[in-house]
Amino acid sequence: MVINVFERYYKAKAVFSGIKRNGALVMLISDSEAGSITYKAAVTFFAHEDAEDFLVSYDAYFESELYSGKGRRSKKKEAAFLEELRKVIDGIAKEHDASILWEEPLSDERRG
């Protein structure tokens, strides 16, 4: 079962496929199946051309595996991953000449 443990939209600065991206969806994703669990930090950059534009495109989607092993969801692990999420996402963004404007969220955070 795939669950977005955390997700929030932020303003961003990036260009992918020749299109300026002004928004980013940041996620902490858990995927559990048959006694195994994987956690990933993920970000997708999208155009966000106006206040109503939340059409997420997946041509600028990037993720980093944080943990994979036997077990199940753990609130303790999730709290630790959330503490590191900004640093991991900043690293991913930097690799792609992009940035997240953390102090300018476009939505409230959602937790699953």
C-alpha atoms as a PDB file:
ATOM      1  CA  MET A   1       0.000   0.000   0.000  1.00  0.00           C
ATOM      2  CA  VAL A   2       1.437   3.372  -1.027  1.00  0.00           C
ATOM      3  CA  ILE A   3       0.719   6.289   1.302  1.00  0.00           C
ATOM      4  CA  ASN A   4       1.877   9.881   1.201  1.00  0.00           C
ATOM      5  CA  VAL A   5       2.952  10.237   4.826  1.00  0.00           C
ATOM      6  CA  PHE A   6       3.482  13.963   4.185  1.00  0.00           C
ATOM      7  CA  GLU A   7       2.756  16.271   1.282  1.00  0.00           C
ATOM      8  CA  ARG A   8       2.740  20.005   0.817  1.00  0.00           C
ATOM      9  CA  TYR A   9       2.834  22.398  -2.119  1.00  0.00           C
ATOM     10  CA  TYR A  10       5.425  25.180  -2.167  1.00  0.00           C
ATOM     11  CA  LYS A  11       6.494  27.953  -4.484  1.00  0.00           C
ATOM     12  CA  ALA A  12       9.574  26.931  -6.456  1.00  0.00           C
ATOM     13  CA  LYS A  13      12.002  28.106  -9.105  1.00  0.00           C
ATOM     14  CA  ALA A  14      12.937  25.728 -11.897  1.00  0.00           C
ATOM     15  CA  VAL A  15      12.844  25.113 -15.642  1.00  0.00           C
ATOM     16  CA  PHE A  16      12.213  21.662 -17.089  1.00  0.00           C
ATOM     17  CA  SER A  17      11.464  20.766 -20.692  1.00  0.00           C
ATOM     18  CA  GLY A  18      11.689  24.464 -21.518  1.00  0.00           C
ATOM     19  CA  ILE A  19       8.800  25.278 -19.159  1.00  0.00           C
ATOM     20  CA  LYS A  20       9.182  27.549 -16.138  1.00  0.00           C
ATOM     21  CA  ARG A  21       8.036  25.800 -12.946  1.00  0.00           C
ATOM     22  CA  ASN A  22       6.760  27.991 -10.146  1.00  0.00           C
ATOM     23  CA  GLY A  23       5.458  25.259  -7.848  1.00  0.00           C
ATOM     24  CA  ALA A  24       6.600  22.015  -6.272  1.00  0.00           C
ATOM     25  CA  LEU A  25       4.833  19.181  -4.500  1.00  0.00           C
ATOM     26  CA  VAL A  26       7.063  17.750  -1.758  1.00  0.00           C
ATOM     27  CA  MET A  27       6.251  14.278  -0.426  1.00  0.00           C
ATOM     28  CA  LEU A  28       7.384  11.624   2.012  1.00  0.00           C
ATOM     29  CA  ILE A  29       6.047   8.344   0.626  1.00  0.00           C
ATOM     30  CA  SER A  30       5.763   4.964   2.326  1.00  0.00           C
ATOM     31  CA  ASP A  31       5.222   1.764   0.365  1.00  0.00           C
ATOM     32  CA  SER A  32       4.491  -1.382   2.336  1.00  0.00           C
ATOM     33  CA  GLU A  33       3.897  -4.832   0.935  1.00  0.00           C
ATOM     34  CA  ALA A  34       4.338  -8.401   2.179  1.00  0.00           C
ATOM     35  CA  GLY A  35       6.160  -7.433   5.375  1.00  0.00           C
ATOM     36  CA  SER A  36       8.499  -4.916   3.743  1.00  0.00           C
ATOM     37  CA  ILE A  37       8.511  -1.125   3.912  1.00  0.00           C
ATOM     38  CA  THR A  38      10.169   1.505   1.738  1.00  0.00           C
ATOM     39  CA  TYR A  39      10.297   5.233   2.405  1.00  0.00           C
ATOM     40  CA  LYS A  40      11.065   7.786  -0.314  1.00  0.00           C
ATOM     41  CA  ALA A  41      11.465  11.542  -0.394  1.00  0.00           C
ATOM     42  CA  ALA A  42       9.961  12.906  -3.611  1.00  0.00           C
ATOM     43  CA  VAL A  43       9.381  16.200  -5.357  1.00  0.00           C
ATOM     44  CA  THR A  44       7.645  17.148  -8.570  1.00  0.00           C
ATOM     45  CA  PHE A  45       7.897  20.600 -10.100  1.00  0.00           C
ATOM     46  CA  PHE A  46       4.895  22.051 -11.936  1.00  0.00           C
ATOM     47  CA  ALA A  47       4.014  25.257 -13.797  1.00  0.00           C
ATOM     48  CA  HIS A  48       1.681  26.903 -11.231  1.00  0.00           C
ATOM     49  CA  GLU A  49       0.893  29.815 -13.536  1.00  0.00           C
ATOM     50  CA  ASP A  50      -1.822  31.239 -11.281  1.00  0.00           C
ATOM     51  CA  ALA A  51      -3.273  30.741  -7.807  1.00  0.00           C
ATOM     52  CA  GLU A  52      -5.654  28.027  -9.055  1.00  0.00           C
ATOM     53  CA  ASP A  53      -3.106  26.056 -11.114  1.00  0.00           C
ATOM     54  CA  PHE A  54      -2.160  22.892  -9.251  1.00  0.00           C
ATOM     55  CA  LEU A  55      -1.934  20.687 -12.343  1.00  0.00           C
ATOM     56  CA  VAL A  56       1.023  18.486 -11.437  1.00  0.00           C
ATOM     57  CA  SER A  57       3.117  17.237 -14.332  1.00  0.00           C
ATOM     58  CA  TYR A  58       5.387  14.263 -13.867  1.00  0.00           C
ATOM     59  CA  ASP A  59       8.099  15.153 -16.380  1.00  0.00           C
ATOM     60  CA  ALA A  60       9.960  16.828 -13.496  1.00  0.00           C
ATOM     61  CA  TYR A  61       9.523  14.158 -10.799  1.00  0.00           C
ATOM     62  CA  PHE A  62      12.470  13.086  -8.665  1.00  0.00           C
ATOM     63  CA  GLU A  63      12.798  10.799  -5.674  1.00  0.00           C
ATOM     64  CA  SER A  64      15.364   9.424  -3.279  1.00  0.00           C
ATOM     65  CA  GLU A  65      14.987   6.185  -1.344  1.00  0.00           C
ATOM     66  CA  LEU A  66      15.477   6.816   2.362  1.00  0.00           C
ATOM     67  CA  TYR A  67      14.918   3.311   3.724  1.00  0.00           C
ATOM     68  CA  SER A  68      13.969  -0.148   2.522  1.00  0.00           C
ATOM     69  CA  GLY A  69      13.704  -3.264   4.660  1.00  0.00           C
ATOM     70  CA  LYS A  70      11.514  -5.670   6.532  1.00  0.00           C
ATOM     71  CA  GLY A  71       8.913  -4.205   8.806  1.00  0.00           C
ATOM     72  CA  ARG A  72       5.945  -1.904   8.748  1.00  0.00           C
ATOM     73  CA  ARG A  73       5.196   1.789   9.112  1.00  0.00           C
ATOM     74  CA  SER A  74       6.858   3.352  12.121  1.00  0.00           C
ATOM     75  CA  LYS A  75       5.899   6.737  13.577  1.00  0.00           C
ATOM     76  CA  LYS A  76       9.430   7.012  14.991  1.00  0.00           C
ATOM     77  CA  LYS A  77      11.072   6.434  11.577  1.00  0.00           C
ATOM     78  CA  GLU A  78       8.608   8.765   9.887  1.00  0.00           C
ATOM     79  CA  ALA A  79       9.390  11.538  12.385  1.00  0.00           C
ATOM     80  CA  ALA A  80      13.120  11.112  11.693  1.00  0.00           C
ATOM     81  CA  PHE A  81      12.571  11.154   7.923  1.00  0.00           C
ATOM     82  CA  LEU A  82      10.427  14.293   8.215  1.00  0.00           C
ATOM     83  CA  GLU A  83      13.261  15.984  10.118  1.00  0.00           C
ATOM     84  CA  GLU A  84      15.595  15.291   7.168  1.00  0.00           C
ATOM     85  CA  LEU A  85      13.067  15.838   4.364  1.00  0.00           C
ATOM     86  CA  ARG A  86      13.957  19.459   3.628  1.00  0.00           C
ATOM     87  CA  LYS A  87      17.678  18.637   3.407  1.00  0.00           C
ATOM     88  CA  VAL A  88      17.067  15.661   1.095  1.00  0.00           C
ATOM     89  CA  ILE A  89      14.693  17.609  -1.163  1.00  0.00           C
ATOM     90  CA  ASP A  90      17.110  20.559  -1.299  1.00  0.00           C
ATOM     91  CA  GLY A  91      19.808  18.127  -2.464  1.00  0.00           C
ATOM     92  CA  ILE A  92      17.552  16.722  -5.180  1.00  0.00           C
ATOM     93  CA  ALA A  93      16.544  20.226  -6.300  1.00  0.00           C
ATOM     94  CA  LYS A  94      20.149  21.424  -6.417  1.00  0.00           C
ATOM     95  CA  GLU A  95      21.091  18.488  -8.682  1.00  0.00           C
ATOM     96  CA  HIS A  96      18.511  19.799 -11.172  1.00  0.00           C
ATOM     97  CA  ASP A  97      19.202  23.553 -10.878  1.00  0.00           C
ATOM     98  CA  ALA A  98      15.940  24.076  -9.016  1.00  0.00           C
ATOM     99  CA  SER A  99      14.939  25.429  -5.628  1.00  0.00           C
ATOM    100  CA  ILE A 100      12.023  25.150  -3.233  1.00  0.00           C
ATOM    101  CA  LEU A 101      10.838  28.341  -1.529  1.00  0.00           C
ATOM    102  CA  TRP A 102      10.186  26.703   1.856  1.00  0.00           C
ATOM    103  CA  GLU A 103       8.947  29.902   3.466  1.00  0.00           C
ATOM    104  CA  GLU A 104       6.250  30.264   0.794  1.00  0.00           C
ATOM    105  CA  PRO A 105       3.914  27.261   1.045  1.00  0.00           C
ATOM    106  CA  LEU A 106       1.002  27.120  -1.388  1.00  0.00           C
ATOM    107  CA  SER A 107      -1.083  24.794   0.786  1.00  0.00           C
ATOM    108  CA  ASP A 108      -1.418  23.400   4.252  1.00  0.00           C
ATOM    109  CA  GLU A 109       0.515  20.215   4.878  1.00  0.00           C
ATOM    110  CA  ARG A 110      -1.302  16.915   4.657  1.00  0.00           C
ATOM    111  CA  ARG A 111      -0.334  13.786   6.526  1.00  0.00           C
ATOM    112  CA  GLY A 112      -1.484  10.271   5.835  1.00  0.00           C
END
